[in-house]
Amino acid sequence: VRVHTYLGVAYLAFNNNPKTGFPPFRDR
């Protein structure tokens, strides 16, 4: 097993695209 600090982040992105996005996510 080889485990080490990594320059990486896991995240969730909210689709706020003006045309195809999810309308509720336009509200901060």
mmCIF file of all heavy atoms, coordinates in Angstrom:
data_MODEL
# 
_entry.id   MODEL 
# 
loop_
_atom_site.group_PDB 
_atom_site.id 
_atom_site.type_symbol 
_atom_site.label_atom_id 
_atom_site.label_alt_id 
_atom_site.label_comp_id 
_atom_site.label_asym_id 
_atom_site.label_entity_id 
_atom_site.label_seq_id 
_atom_site.pdbx_PDB_ins_code 
_atom_site.Cartn_x 
_atom_site.Cartn_y 
_atom_site.Cartn_z 
_atom_site.occupancy 
_atom_site.B_iso_or_equiv 
_atom_site.pdbx_formal_charge 
_atom_site.auth_seq_id 
_atom_site.auth_comp_id 
_atom_site.auth_asym_id 
_atom_site.auth_atom_id 
_atom_site.pdbx_PDB_model_num 
ATOM 1   N N   . VAL A 1 1  ? 0.839   -1.203 0.000   1.00 0.00 ? 1  VAL A N   1 
ATOM 2   C CA  . VAL A 1 1  ? 0.000   0.000  0.000   1.00 0.00 ? 1  VAL A CA  1 
ATOM 3   C C   . VAL A 1 1  ? 0.872   1.251  0.000   1.00 0.00 ? 1  VAL A C   1 
ATOM 4   O O   . VAL A 1 1  ? 1.745   1.422  0.860   1.00 0.00 ? 1  VAL A O   1 
ATOM 5   C CB  . VAL A 1 1  ? -0.948  0.008  1.209   1.00 0.00 ? 1  VAL A CB  1 
ATOM 6   C CG1 . VAL A 1 1  ? -1.728  1.325  1.265   1.00 0.00 ? 1  VAL A CG1 1 
ATOM 7   C CG2 . VAL A 1 1  ? -1.899  -1.182 1.145   1.00 0.00 ? 1  VAL A CG2 1 
ATOM 8   N N   . ARG A 1 2  ? 0.619   2.140  -0.962  1.00 0.00 ? 2  ARG A N   1 
ATOM 9   C CA  . ARG A 1 2  ? 1.352   3.408  -1.067  1.00 0.00 ? 2  ARG A CA  1 
ATOM 10  C C   . ARG A 1 2  ? 0.327   4.539  -1.077  1.00 0.00 ? 2  ARG A C   1 
ATOM 11  O O   . ARG A 1 2  ? -0.430  4.698  -2.043  1.00 0.00 ? 2  ARG A O   1 
ATOM 12  C CB  . ARG A 1 2  ? 2.200   3.451  -2.342  1.00 0.00 ? 2  ARG A CB  1 
ATOM 13  C CG  . ARG A 1 2  ? 3.069   2.220  -2.575  1.00 0.00 ? 2  ARG A CG  1 
ATOM 14  C CD  . ARG A 1 2  ? 4.155   2.062  -1.526  1.00 0.00 ? 2  ARG A CD  1 
ATOM 15  N NE  . ARG A 1 2  ? 5.133   3.107  -1.590  1.00 0.00 ? 2  ARG A NE  1 
ATOM 16  C CZ  . ARG A 1 2  ? 6.332   2.970  -2.171  1.00 0.00 ? 2  ARG A CZ  1 
ATOM 17  N NH1 . ARG A 1 2  ? 6.664   1.815  -2.747  1.00 0.00 ? 2  ARG A NH1 1 
ATOM 18  N NH2 . ARG A 1 2  ? 7.187   3.958  -2.178  1.00 0.00 ? 2  ARG A NH2 1 
ATOM 19  N N   . VAL A 1 3  ? 0.291   5.315  0.014   1.00 0.00 ? 3  VAL A N   1 
ATOM 20  C CA  . VAL A 1 3  ? -0.646  6.428  0.159   1.00 0.00 ? 3  VAL A CA  1 
ATOM 21  C C   . VAL A 1 3  ? 0.150   7.692  0.417   1.00 0.00 ? 3  VAL A C   1 
ATOM 22  O O   . VAL A 1 3  ? 1.090   7.689  1.224   1.00 0.00 ? 3  VAL A O   1 
ATOM 23  C CB  . VAL A 1 3  ? -1.651  6.176  1.312   1.00 0.00 ? 3  VAL A CB  1 
ATOM 24  C CG1 . VAL A 1 3  ? -2.562  7.384  1.507   1.00 0.00 ? 3  VAL A CG1 1 
ATOM 25  C CG2 . VAL A 1 3  ? -2.490  4.934  1.027   1.00 0.00 ? 3  VAL A CG2 1 
ATOM 26  N N   . HIS A 1 4  ? -0.228  8.788  -0.256  1.00 0.00 ? 4  HIS A N   1 
ATOM 27  C CA  . HIS A 1 4  ? 0.539   10.029 -0.132  1.00 0.00 ? 4  HIS A CA  1 
ATOM 28  C C   . HIS A 1 4  ? -0.373  11.218 -0.387  1.00 0.00 ? 4  HIS A C   1 
ATOM 29  O O   . HIS A 1 4  ? -1.356  11.124 -1.125  1.00 0.00 ? 4  HIS A O   1 
ATOM 30  C CB  . HIS A 1 4  ? 1.685   10.038 -1.145  1.00 0.00 ? 4  HIS A CB  1 
ATOM 31  C CG  . HIS A 1 4  ? 2.701   11.107 -0.917  1.00 0.00 ? 4  HIS A CG  1 
ATOM 32  N ND1 . HIS A 1 4  ? 2.594   12.367 -1.474  1.00 0.00 ? 4  HIS A ND1 1 
ATOM 33  C CD2 . HIS A 1 4  ? 3.843   11.116 -0.194  1.00 0.00 ? 4  HIS A CD2 1 
ATOM 34  C CE1 . HIS A 1 4  ? 3.635   13.099 -1.107  1.00 0.00 ? 4  HIS A CE1 1 
ATOM 35  N NE2 . HIS A 1 4  ? 4.410   12.374 -0.334  1.00 0.00 ? 4  HIS A NE2 1 
ATOM 36  N N   . THR A 1 5  ? -0.032  12.345 0.215   1.00 0.00 ? 5  THR A N   1 
ATOM 37  C CA  . THR A 1 5  ? -0.748  13.596 -0.056  1.00 0.00 ? 5  THR A CA  1 
ATOM 38  C C   . THR A 1 5  ? -0.759  13.876 -1.556  1.00 0.00 ? 5  THR A C   1 
ATOM 39  O O   . THR A 1 5  ? 0.229   13.629 -2.253  1.00 0.00 ? 5  THR A O   1 
ATOM 40  C CB  . THR A 1 5  ? -0.050  14.769 0.677   1.00 0.00 ? 5  THR A CB  1 
ATOM 41  O OG1 . THR A 1 5  ? 0.026   14.454 2.070   1.00 0.00 ? 5  THR A OG1 1 
ATOM 42  C CG2 . THR A 1 5  ? -0.840  16.054 0.494   1.00 0.00 ? 5  THR A CG2 1 
ATOM 43  N N   . TYR A 1 6  ? -1.894  14.392 -2.014  1.00 0.00 ? 6  TYR A N   1 
ATOM 44  C CA  . TYR A 1 6  ? -2.104  14.570 -3.457  1.00 0.00 ? 6  TYR A CA  1 
ATOM 45  C C   . TYR A 1 6  ? -2.677  15.955 -3.701  1.00 0.00 ? 6  TYR A C   1 
ATOM 46  O O   . TYR A 1 6  ? -3.501  16.437 -2.916  1.00 0.00 ? 6  TYR A O   1 
ATOM 47  C CB  . TYR A 1 6  ? -3.105  13.510 -3.918  1.00 0.00 ? 6  TYR A CB  1 
ATOM 48  C CG  . TYR A 1 6  ? -3.143  13.173 -5.381  1.00 0.00 ? 6  TYR A CG  1 
ATOM 49  C CD1 . TYR A 1 6  ? -2.167  13.576 -6.280  1.00 0.00 ? 6  TYR A CD1 1 
ATOM 50  C CD2 . TYR A 1 6  ? -4.188  12.387 -5.865  1.00 0.00 ? 6  TYR A CD2 1 
ATOM 51  C CE1 . TYR A 1 6  ? -2.226  13.212 -7.613  1.00 0.00 ? 6  TYR A CE1 1 
ATOM 52  C CE2 . TYR A 1 6  ? -4.257  12.015 -7.198  1.00 0.00 ? 6  TYR A CE2 1 
ATOM 53  C CZ  . TYR A 1 6  ? -3.276  12.421 -8.068  1.00 0.00 ? 6  TYR A CZ  1 
ATOM 54  O OH  . TYR A 1 6  ? -3.345  12.058 -9.382  1.00 0.00 ? 6  TYR A OH  1 
ATOM 55  N N   . LEU A 1 7  ? -2.270  16.592 -4.781  1.00 0.00 ? 7  LEU A N   1 
ATOM 56  C CA  . LEU A 1 7  ? -2.829  17.899 -5.130  1.00 0.00 ? 7  LEU A CA  1 
ATOM 57  C C   . LEU A 1 7  ? -4.115  17.689 -5.920  1.00 0.00 ? 7  LEU A C   1 
ATOM 58  O O   . LEU A 1 7  ? -4.150  17.803 -7.149  1.00 0.00 ? 7  LEU A O   1 
ATOM 59  C CB  . LEU A 1 7  ? -1.818  18.720 -5.933  1.00 0.00 ? 7  LEU A CB  1 
ATOM 60  C CG  . LEU A 1 7  ? -0.533  19.101 -5.205  1.00 0.00 ? 7  LEU A CG  1 
ATOM 61  C CD1 . LEU A 1 7  ? 0.340   19.983 -6.088  1.00 0.00 ? 7  LEU A CD1 1 
ATOM 62  C CD2 . LEU A 1 7  ? -0.828  19.814 -3.891  1.00 0.00 ? 7  LEU A CD2 1 
ATOM 63  N N   . GLY A 1 8  ? -5.175  17.342 -5.187  1.00 0.00 ? 8  GLY A N   1 
ATOM 64  C CA  . GLY A 1 8  ? -6.444  17.073 -5.851  1.00 0.00 ? 8  GLY A CA  1 
ATOM 65  C C   . GLY A 1 8  ? -7.614  17.326 -4.923  1.00 0.00 ? 8  GLY A C   1 
ATOM 66  O O   . GLY A 1 8  ? -7.496  17.218 -3.700  1.00 0.00 ? 8  GLY A O   1 
ATOM 67  N N   . VAL A 1 9  ? -8.768  17.664 -5.501  1.00 0.00 ? 9  VAL A N   1 
ATOM 68  C CA  . VAL A 1 9  ? -9.980  17.927 -4.735  1.00 0.00 ? 9  VAL A CA  1 
ATOM 69  C C   . VAL A 1 9  ? -11.154 17.217 -5.401  1.00 0.00 ? 9  VAL A C   1 
ATOM 70  O O   . VAL A 1 9  ? -11.272 17.204 -6.626  1.00 0.00 ? 9  VAL A O   1 
ATOM 71  C CB  . VAL A 1 9  ? -10.258 19.448 -4.630  1.00 0.00 ? 9  VAL A CB  1 
ATOM 72  C CG1 . VAL A 1 9  ? -10.474 20.089 -5.998  1.00 0.00 ? 9  VAL A CG1 1 
ATOM 73  C CG2 . VAL A 1 9  ? -11.458 19.732 -3.721  1.00 0.00 ? 9  VAL A CG2 1 
ATOM 74  N N   . ALA A 1 10 ? -12.002 16.587 -4.582  1.00 0.00 ? 10 ALA A N   1 
ATOM 75  C CA  . ALA A 1 10 ? -13.267 16.032 -5.055  1.00 0.00 ? 10 ALA A CA  1 
ATOM 76  C C   . ALA A 1 10 ? -14.361 17.039 -4.727  1.00 0.00 ? 10 ALA A C   1 
ATOM 77  O O   . ALA A 1 10 ? -14.397 17.585 -3.618  1.00 0.00 ? 10 ALA A O   1 
ATOM 78  C CB  . ALA A 1 10 ? -13.559 14.696 -4.377  1.00 0.00 ? 10 ALA A CB  1 
ATOM 79  N N   . TYR A 1 11 ? -15.242 17.285 -5.682  1.00 0.00 ? 11 TYR A N   1 
ATOM 80  C CA  . TYR A 1 11 ? -16.258 18.310 -5.474  1.00 0.00 ? 11 TYR A CA  1 
ATOM 81  C C   . TYR A 1 11 ? -17.518 17.986 -6.255  1.00 0.00 ? 11 TYR A C   1 
ATOM 82  O O   . TYR A 1 11 ? -17.530 17.099 -7.127  1.00 0.00 ? 11 TYR A O   1 
ATOM 83  C CB  . TYR A 1 11 ? -15.723 19.684 -5.885  1.00 0.00 ? 11 TYR A CB  1 
ATOM 84  C CG  . TYR A 1 11 ? -15.400 19.852 -7.351  1.00 0.00 ? 11 TYR A CG  1 
ATOM 85  C CD1 . TYR A 1 11 ? -16.295 20.477 -8.219  1.00 0.00 ? 11 TYR A CD1 1 
ATOM 86  C CD2 . TYR A 1 11 ? -14.189 19.401 -7.874  1.00 0.00 ? 11 TYR A CD2 1 
ATOM 87  C CE1 . TYR A 1 11 ? -15.989 20.643 -9.568  1.00 0.00 ? 11 TYR A CE1 1 
ATOM 88  C CE2 . TYR A 1 11 ? -13.878 19.559 -9.223  1.00 0.00 ? 11 TYR A CE2 1 
ATOM 89  C CZ  . TYR A 1 11 ? -14.784 20.181 -10.064 1.00 0.00 ? 11 TYR A CZ  1 
ATOM 90  O OH  . TYR A 1 11 ? -14.489 20.339 -11.397 1.00 0.00 ? 11 TYR A OH  1 
ATOM 91  N N   . LEU A 1 12 ? -18.586 18.685 -5.928  1.00 0.00 ? 12 LEU A N   1 
ATOM 92  C CA  . LEU A 1 12 ? -19.849 18.580 -6.647  1.00 0.00 ? 12 LEU A CA  1 
ATOM 93  C C   . LEU A 1 12 ? -20.072 19.892 -7.391  1.00 0.00 ? 12 LEU A C   1 
ATOM 94  O O   . LEU A 1 12 ? -19.905 20.968 -6.811  1.00 0.00 ? 12 LEU A O   1 
ATOM 95  C CB  . LEU A 1 12 ? -21.004 18.313 -5.680  1.00 0.00 ? 12 LEU A CB  1 
ATOM 96  C CG  . LEU A 1 12 ? -20.873 17.028 -4.863  1.00 0.00 ? 12 LEU A CG  1 
ATOM 97  C CD1 . LEU A 1 12 ? -21.958 16.958 -3.794  1.00 0.00 ? 12 LEU A CD1 1 
ATOM 98  C CD2 . LEU A 1 12 ? -20.935 15.808 -5.762  1.00 0.00 ? 12 LEU A CD2 1 
ATOM 99  N N   . ALA A 1 13 ? -20.406 19.794 -8.661  1.00 0.00 ? 13 ALA A N   1 
ATOM 100 C CA  . ALA A 1 13 ? -20.653 20.985 -9.479  1.00 0.00 ? 13 ALA A CA  1 
ATOM 101 C C   . ALA A 1 13 ? -22.148 21.087 -9.752  1.00 0.00 ? 13 ALA A C   1 
ATOM 102 O O   . ALA A 1 13 ? -22.792 20.100 -10.106 1.00 0.00 ? 13 ALA A O   1 
ATOM 103 C CB  . ALA A 1 13 ? -19.885 20.897 -10.790 1.00 0.00 ? 13 ALA A CB  1 
ATOM 104 N N   . PHE A 1 14 ? -22.689 22.299 -9.601  1.00 0.00 ? 14 PHE A N   1 
ATOM 105 C CA  . PHE A 1 14 ? -24.103 22.563 -9.837  1.00 0.00 ? 14 PHE A CA  1 
ATOM 106 C C   . PHE A 1 14 ? -24.264 23.173 -11.231 1.00 0.00 ? 14 PHE A C   1 
ATOM 107 O O   . PHE A 1 14 ? -23.643 24.192 -11.538 1.00 0.00 ? 14 PHE A O   1 
ATOM 108 C CB  . PHE A 1 14 ? -24.656 23.516 -8.772  1.00 0.00 ? 14 PHE A CB  1 
ATOM 109 C CG  . PHE A 1 14 ? -24.452 23.021 -7.363  1.00 0.00 ? 14 PHE A CG  1 
ATOM 110 C CD1 . PHE A 1 14 ? -23.627 23.718 -6.485  1.00 0.00 ? 14 PHE A CD1 1 
ATOM 111 C CD2 . PHE A 1 14 ? -25.062 21.864 -6.924  1.00 0.00 ? 14 PHE A CD2 1 
ATOM 112 C CE1 . PHE A 1 14 ? -23.423 23.266 -5.193  1.00 0.00 ? 14 PHE A CE1 1 
ATOM 113 C CE2 . PHE A 1 14 ? -24.865 21.403 -5.626  1.00 0.00 ? 14 PHE A CE2 1 
ATOM 114 C CZ  . PHE A 1 14 ? -24.041 22.099 -4.759  1.00 0.00 ? 14 PHE A CZ  1 
ATOM 115 N N   . ASN A 1 15 ? -25.075 22.556 -12.057 1.00 0.00 ? 15 ASN A N   1 
ATOM 116 C CA  . ASN A 1 15 ? -25.228 23.007 -13.440 1.00 0.00 ? 15 ASN A CA  1 
ATOM 117 C C   . ASN A 1 15 ? -26.050 24.283 -13.493 1.00 0.00 ? 15 ASN A C   1 
ATOM 118 O O   . ASN A 1 15 ? -27.262 24.274 -13.329 1.00 0.00 ? 15 ASN A O   1 
ATOM 119 C CB  . ASN A 1 15 ? -25.896 21.924 -14.289 1.00 0.00 ? 15 ASN A CB  1 
ATOM 120 C CG  . ASN A 1 15 ? -25.873 22.265 -15.776 1.00 0.00 ? 15 ASN A CG  1 
ATOM 121 O OD1 . ASN A 1 15 ? -25.625 23.410 -16.165 1.00 0.00 ? 15 ASN A OD1 1 
ATOM 122 N ND2 . ASN A 1 15 ? -26.138 21.284 -16.608 1.00 0.00 ? 15 ASN A ND2 1 
ATOM 123 N N   . ASN A 1 16 ? -25.357 25.383 -13.738 1.00 0.00 ? 16 ASN A N   1 
ATOM 124 C CA  . ASN A 1 16 ? -26.005 26.693 -13.801 1.00 0.00 ? 16 ASN A CA  1 
ATOM 125 C C   . ASN A 1 16 ? -25.908 27.274 -15.206 1.00 0.00 ? 16 ASN A C   1 
ATOM 126 O O   . ASN A 1 16 ? -25.944 28.485 -15.387 1.00 0.00 ? 16 ASN A O   1 
ATOM 127 C CB  . ASN A 1 16 ? -25.339 27.635 -12.782 1.00 0.00 ? 16 ASN A CB  1 
ATOM 128 C CG  . ASN A 1 16 ? -26.170 28.866 -12.504 1.00 0.00 ? 16 ASN A CG  1 
ATOM 129 O OD1 . ASN A 1 16 ? -27.393 28.846 -12.611 1.00 0.00 ? 16 ASN A OD1 1 
ATOM 130 N ND2 . ASN A 1 16 ? -25.506 29.958 -12.154 1.00 0.00 ? 16 ASN A ND2 1 
ATOM 131 N N   . ASN A 1 17 ? -25.775 26.391 -16.209 1.00 0.00 ? 17 ASN A N   1 
ATOM 132 C CA  . ASN A 1 17 ? -25.711 26.860 -17.586 1.00 0.00 ? 17 ASN A CA  1 
ATOM 133 C C   . ASN A 1 17 ? -26.981 27.622 -17.940 1.00 0.00 ? 17 ASN A C   1 
ATOM 134 O O   . ASN A 1 17 ? -28.094 27.165 -17.635 1.00 0.00 ? 17 ASN A O   1 
ATOM 135 C CB  . ASN A 1 17 ? -25.549 25.660 -18.528 1.00 0.00 ? 17 ASN A CB  1 
ATOM 136 C CG  . ASN A 1 17 ? -25.402 26.071 -19.983 1.00 0.00 ? 17 ASN A CG  1 
ATOM 137 O OD1 . ASN A 1 17 ? -26.390 26.348 -20.650 1.00 0.00 ? 17 ASN A OD1 1 
ATOM 138 N ND2 . ASN A 1 17 ? -24.176 26.101 -20.460 1.00 0.00 ? 17 ASN A ND2 1 
ATOM 139 N N   . PRO A 1 18 ? -26.870 28.801 -18.554 1.00 0.00 ? 18 PRO A N   1 
ATOM 140 C CA  . PRO A 1 18 ? -28.056 29.625 -18.836 1.00 0.00 ? 18 PRO A CA  1 
ATOM 141 C C   . PRO A 1 18 ? -29.097 28.925 -19.703 1.00 0.00 ? 18 PRO A C   1 
ATOM 142 O O   . PRO A 1 18 ? -30.287 29.213 -19.602 1.00 0.00 ? 18 PRO A O   1 
ATOM 143 C CB  . PRO A 1 18 ? -27.469 30.848 -19.565 1.00 0.00 ? 18 PRO A CB  1 
ATOM 144 C CG  . PRO A 1 18 ? -26.040 30.900 -19.149 1.00 0.00 ? 18 PRO A CG  1 
ATOM 145 C CD  . PRO A 1 18 ? -25.621 29.484 -18.938 1.00 0.00 ? 18 PRO A CD  1 
ATOM 146 N N   . LYS A 1 19 ? -28.647 27.989 -20.569 1.00 0.00 ? 19 LYS A N   1 
ATOM 147 C CA  . LYS A 1 19 ? -29.586 27.329 -21.478 1.00 0.00 ? 19 LYS A CA  1 
ATOM 148 C C   . LYS A 1 19 ? -29.983 25.936 -21.008 1.00 0.00 ? 19 LYS A C   1 
ATOM 149 O O   . LYS A 1 19 ? -31.159 25.572 -21.055 1.00 0.00 ? 19 LYS A O   1 
ATOM 150 C CB  . LYS A 1 19 ? -28.976 27.243 -22.880 1.00 0.00 ? 19 LYS A CB  1 
ATOM 151 C CG  . LYS A 1 19 ? -28.751 28.598 -23.541 1.00 0.00 ? 19 LYS A CG  1 
ATOM 152 C CD  . LYS A 1 19 ? -28.165 28.432 -24.943 1.00 0.00 ? 19 LYS A CD  1 
ATOM 153 C CE  . LYS A 1 19 ? -27.962 29.788 -25.604 1.00 0.00 ? 19 LYS A CE  1 
ATOM 154 N NZ  . LYS A 1 19 ? -27.355 29.644 -26.971 1.00 0.00 ? 19 LYS A NZ  1 
ATOM 155 N N   . THR A 1 20 ? -29.003 25.145 -20.577 1.00 0.00 ? 20 THR A N   1 
ATOM 156 C CA  . THR A 1 20 ? -29.290 23.753 -20.246 1.00 0.00 ? 20 THR A CA  1 
ATOM 157 C C   . THR A 1 20 ? -29.219 23.460 -18.755 1.00 0.00 ? 20 THR A C   1 
ATOM 158 O O   . THR A 1 20 ? -29.411 22.316 -18.344 1.00 0.00 ? 20 THR A O   1 
ATOM 159 C CB  . THR A 1 20 ? -28.297 22.825 -20.972 1.00 0.00 ? 20 THR A CB  1 
ATOM 160 O OG1 . THR A 1 20 ? -26.961 23.117 -20.515 1.00 0.00 ? 20 THR A OG1 1 
ATOM 161 C CG2 . THR A 1 20 ? -28.363 23.032 -22.476 1.00 0.00 ? 20 THR A CG2 1 
ATOM 162 N N   . GLY A 1 21 ? -28.927 24.458 -17.944 1.00 0.00 ? 21 GLY A N   1 
ATOM 163 C CA  . GLY A 1 21 ? -28.757 24.254 -16.515 1.00 0.00 ? 21 GLY A CA  1 
ATOM 164 C C   . GLY A 1 21 ? -30.061 23.952 -15.800 1.00 0.00 ? 21 GLY A C   1 
ATOM 165 O O   . GLY A 1 21 ? -31.158 24.030 -16.354 1.00 0.00 ? 21 GLY A O   1 
ATOM 166 N N   . PHE A 1 22 ? -29.933 23.635 -14.513 1.00 0.00 ? 22 PHE A N   1 
ATOM 167 C CA  . PHE A 1 22 ? -31.067 23.305 -13.662 1.00 0.00 ? 22 PHE A CA  1 
ATOM 168 C C   . PHE A 1 22 ? -31.540 24.590 -12.995 1.00 0.00 ? 22 PHE A C   1 
ATOM 169 O O   . PHE A 1 22 ? -30.810 25.165 -12.174 1.00 0.00 ? 22 PHE A O   1 
ATOM 170 C CB  . PHE A 1 22 ? -30.627 22.273 -12.626 1.00 0.00 ? 22 PHE A CB  1 
ATOM 171 C CG  . PHE A 1 22 ? -31.734 21.698 -11.807 1.00 0.00 ? 22 PHE A CG  1 
ATOM 172 C CD1 . PHE A 1 22 ? -32.877 21.170 -12.399 1.00 0.00 ? 22 PHE A CD1 1 
ATOM 173 C CD2 . PHE A 1 22 ? -31.629 21.676 -10.420 1.00 0.00 ? 22 PHE A CD2 1 
ATOM 174 C CE1 . PHE A 1 22 ? -33.901 20.630 -11.626 1.00 0.00 ? 22 PHE A CE1 1 
ATOM 175 C CE2 . PHE A 1 22 ? -32.631 21.133 -9.641  1.00 0.00 ? 22 PHE A CE2 1 
ATOM 176 C CZ  . PHE A 1 22 ? -33.771 20.611 -10.238 1.00 0.00 ? 22 PHE A CZ  1 
ATOM 177 N N   . PRO A 1 23 ? -32.726 25.104 -13.334 1.00 0.00 ? 23 PRO A N   1 
ATOM 178 C CA  . PRO A 1 23 ? -33.149 26.436 -12.868 1.00 0.00 ? 23 PRO A CA  1 
ATOM 179 C C   . PRO A 1 23 ? -33.005 26.689 -11.369 1.00 0.00 ? 23 PRO A C   1 
ATOM 180 O O   . PRO A 1 23 ? -32.577 27.790 -10.977 1.00 0.00 ? 23 PRO A O   1 
ATOM 181 C CB  . PRO A 1 23 ? -34.610 26.509 -13.331 1.00 0.00 ? 23 PRO A CB  1 
ATOM 182 C CG  . PRO A 1 23 ? -34.642 25.653 -14.554 1.00 0.00 ? 23 PRO A CG  1 
ATOM 183 C CD  . PRO A 1 23 ? -33.701 24.509 -14.257 1.00 0.00 ? 23 PRO A CD  1 
ATOM 184 N N   . PRO A 1 24 ? -33.321 25.732 -10.474 1.00 0.00 ? 24 PRO A N   1 
ATOM 185 C CA  . PRO A 1 24 ? -33.159 26.036 -9.044  1.00 0.00 ? 24 PRO A CA  1 
ATOM 186 C C   . PRO A 1 24 ? -31.746 26.435 -8.652  1.00 0.00 ? 24 PRO A C   1 
ATOM 187 O O   . PRO A 1 24 ? -31.547 27.160 -7.671  1.00 0.00 ? 24 PRO A O   1 
ATOM 188 C CB  . PRO A 1 24 ? -33.578 24.728 -8.360  1.00 0.00 ? 24 PRO A CB  1 
ATOM 189 C CG  . PRO A 1 24 ? -34.523 24.087 -9.311  1.00 0.00 ? 24 PRO A CG  1 
ATOM 190 C CD  . PRO A 1 24 ? -33.968 24.412 -10.675 1.00 0.00 ? 24 PRO A CD  1 
ATOM 191 N N   . PHE A 1 25 ? -30.744 25.990 -9.420  1.00 0.00 ? 25 PHE A N   1 
ATOM 192 C CA  . PHE A 1 25 ? -29.365 26.292 -9.050  1.00 0.00 ? 25 PHE A CA  1 
ATOM 193 C C   . PHE A 1 25 ? -28.960 27.712 -9.430  1.00 0.00 ? 25 PHE A C   1 
ATOM 194 O O   . PHE A 1 25 ? -27.838 28.132 -9.122  1.00 0.00 ? 25 PHE A O   1 
ATOM 195 C CB  . PHE A 1 25 ? -28.407 25.280 -9.676  1.00 0.00 ? 25 PHE A CB  1 
ATOM 196 C CG  . PHE A 1 25 ? -28.571 23.882 -9.141  1.00 0.00 ? 25 PHE A CG  1 
ATOM 197 C CD1 . PHE A 1 25 ? -28.208 22.783 -9.899  1.00 0.00 ? 25 PHE A CD1 1 
ATOM 198 C CD2 . PHE A 1 25 ? -29.096 23.665 -7.872  1.00 0.00 ? 25 PHE A CD2 1 
ATOM 199 C CE1 . PHE A 1 25 ? -28.361 21.496 -9.419  1.00 0.00 ? 25 PHE A CE1 1 
ATOM 200 C CE2 . PHE A 1 25 ? -29.252 22.383 -7.377  1.00 0.00 ? 25 PHE A CE2 1 
ATOM 201 C CZ  . PHE A 1 25 ? -28.896 21.297 -8.146  1.00 0.00 ? 25 PHE A CZ  1 
ATOM 202 N N   . ARG A 1 26 ? -29.839 28.449 -10.054 1.00 0.00 ? 26 ARG A N   1 
ATOM 203 C CA  . ARG A 1 26 ? -29.541 29.855 -10.318 1.00 0.00 ? 26 ARG A CA  1 
ATOM 204 C C   . ARG A 1 26 ? -29.715 30.705 -9.058  1.00 0.00 ? 26 ARG A C   1 
ATOM 205 O O   . ARG A 1 26 ? -29.337 31.871 -9.035  1.00 0.00 ? 26 ARG A O   1 
ATOM 206 C CB  . ARG A 1 26 ? -30.439 30.365 -11.449 1.00 0.00 ? 26 ARG A CB  1 
ATOM 207 C CG  . ARG A 1 26 ? -30.098 29.698 -12.785 1.00 0.00 ? 26 ARG A CG  1 
ATOM 208 C CD  . ARG A 1 26 ? -31.078 30.000 -13.872 1.00 0.00 ? 26 ARG A CD  1 
ATOM 209 N NE  . ARG A 1 26 ? -30.835 29.116 -15.030 1.00 0.00 ? 26 ARG A NE  1 
ATOM 210 C CZ  . ARG A 1 26 ? -31.697 28.870 -15.986 1.00 0.00 ? 26 ARG A CZ  1 
ATOM 211 N NH1 . ARG A 1 26 ? -32.886 29.454 -15.968 1.00 0.00 ? 26 ARG A NH1 1 
ATOM 212 N NH2 . ARG A 1 26 ? -31.400 28.049 -16.972 1.00 0.00 ? 26 ARG A NH2 1 
ATOM 213 N N   . ASP A 1 27 ? -30.294 30.110 -8.036  1.00 0.00 ? 27 ASP A N   1 
ATOM 214 C CA  . ASP A 1 27 ? -30.479 30.790 -6.748  1.00 0.00 ? 27 ASP A CA  1 
ATOM 215 C C   . ASP A 1 27 ? -29.317 30.402 -5.833  1.00 0.00 ? 27 ASP A C   1 
ATOM 216 O O   . ASP A 1 27 ? -29.155 29.233 -5.475  1.00 0.00 ? 27 ASP A O   1 
ATOM 217 C CB  . ASP A 1 27 ? -31.817 30.367 -6.134  1.00 0.00 ? 27 ASP A CB  1 
ATOM 218 C CG  . ASP A 1 27 ? -32.206 31.217 -4.929  1.00 0.00 ? 27 ASP A CG  1 
ATOM 219 O OD1 . ASP A 1 27 ? -31.301 31.607 -4.159  1.00 0.00 ? 27 ASP A OD1 1 
ATOM 220 O OD2 . ASP A 1 27 ? -33.417 31.470 -4.757  1.00 0.00 ? 27 ASP A OD2 1 
ATOM 221 N N   . ARG A 1 28 ? -28.512 31.388 -5.458  1.00 0.00 ? 28 ARG A N   1 
ATOM 222 C CA  . ARG A 1 28 ? -27.345 31.092 -4.634  1.00 0.00 ? 28 ARG A CA  1 
ATOM 223 C C   . ARG A 1 28 ? -27.732 30.441 -3.315  1.00 0.00 ? 28 ARG A C   1 
ATOM 224 O O   . ARG A 1 28 ? -26.986 29.620 -2.774  1.00 0.00 ? 28 ARG A O   1 
ATOM 225 C CB  . ARG A 1 28 ? -26.550 32.374 -4.363  1.00 0.00 ? 28 ARG A CB  1 
ATOM 226 C CG  . ARG A 1 28 ? -25.273 32.123 -3.561  1.00 0.00 ? 28 ARG A CG  1 
ATOM 227 C CD  . ARG A 1 28 ? -24.384 33.325 -3.471  1.00 0.00 ? 28 ARG A CD  1 
ATOM 228 N NE  . ARG A 1 28 ? -24.932 34.363 -2.614  1.00 0.00 ? 28 ARG A NE  1 
ATOM 229 C CZ  . ARG A 1 28 ? -24.225 35.394 -2.150  1.00 0.00 ? 28 ARG A CZ  1 
ATOM 230 N NH1 . ARG A 1 28 ? -22.949 35.524 -2.500  1.00 0.00 ? 28 ARG A NH1 1 
ATOM 231 N NH2 . ARG A 1 28 ? -24.777 36.299 -1.396  1.00 0.00 ? 28 ARG A NH2 1 
# 
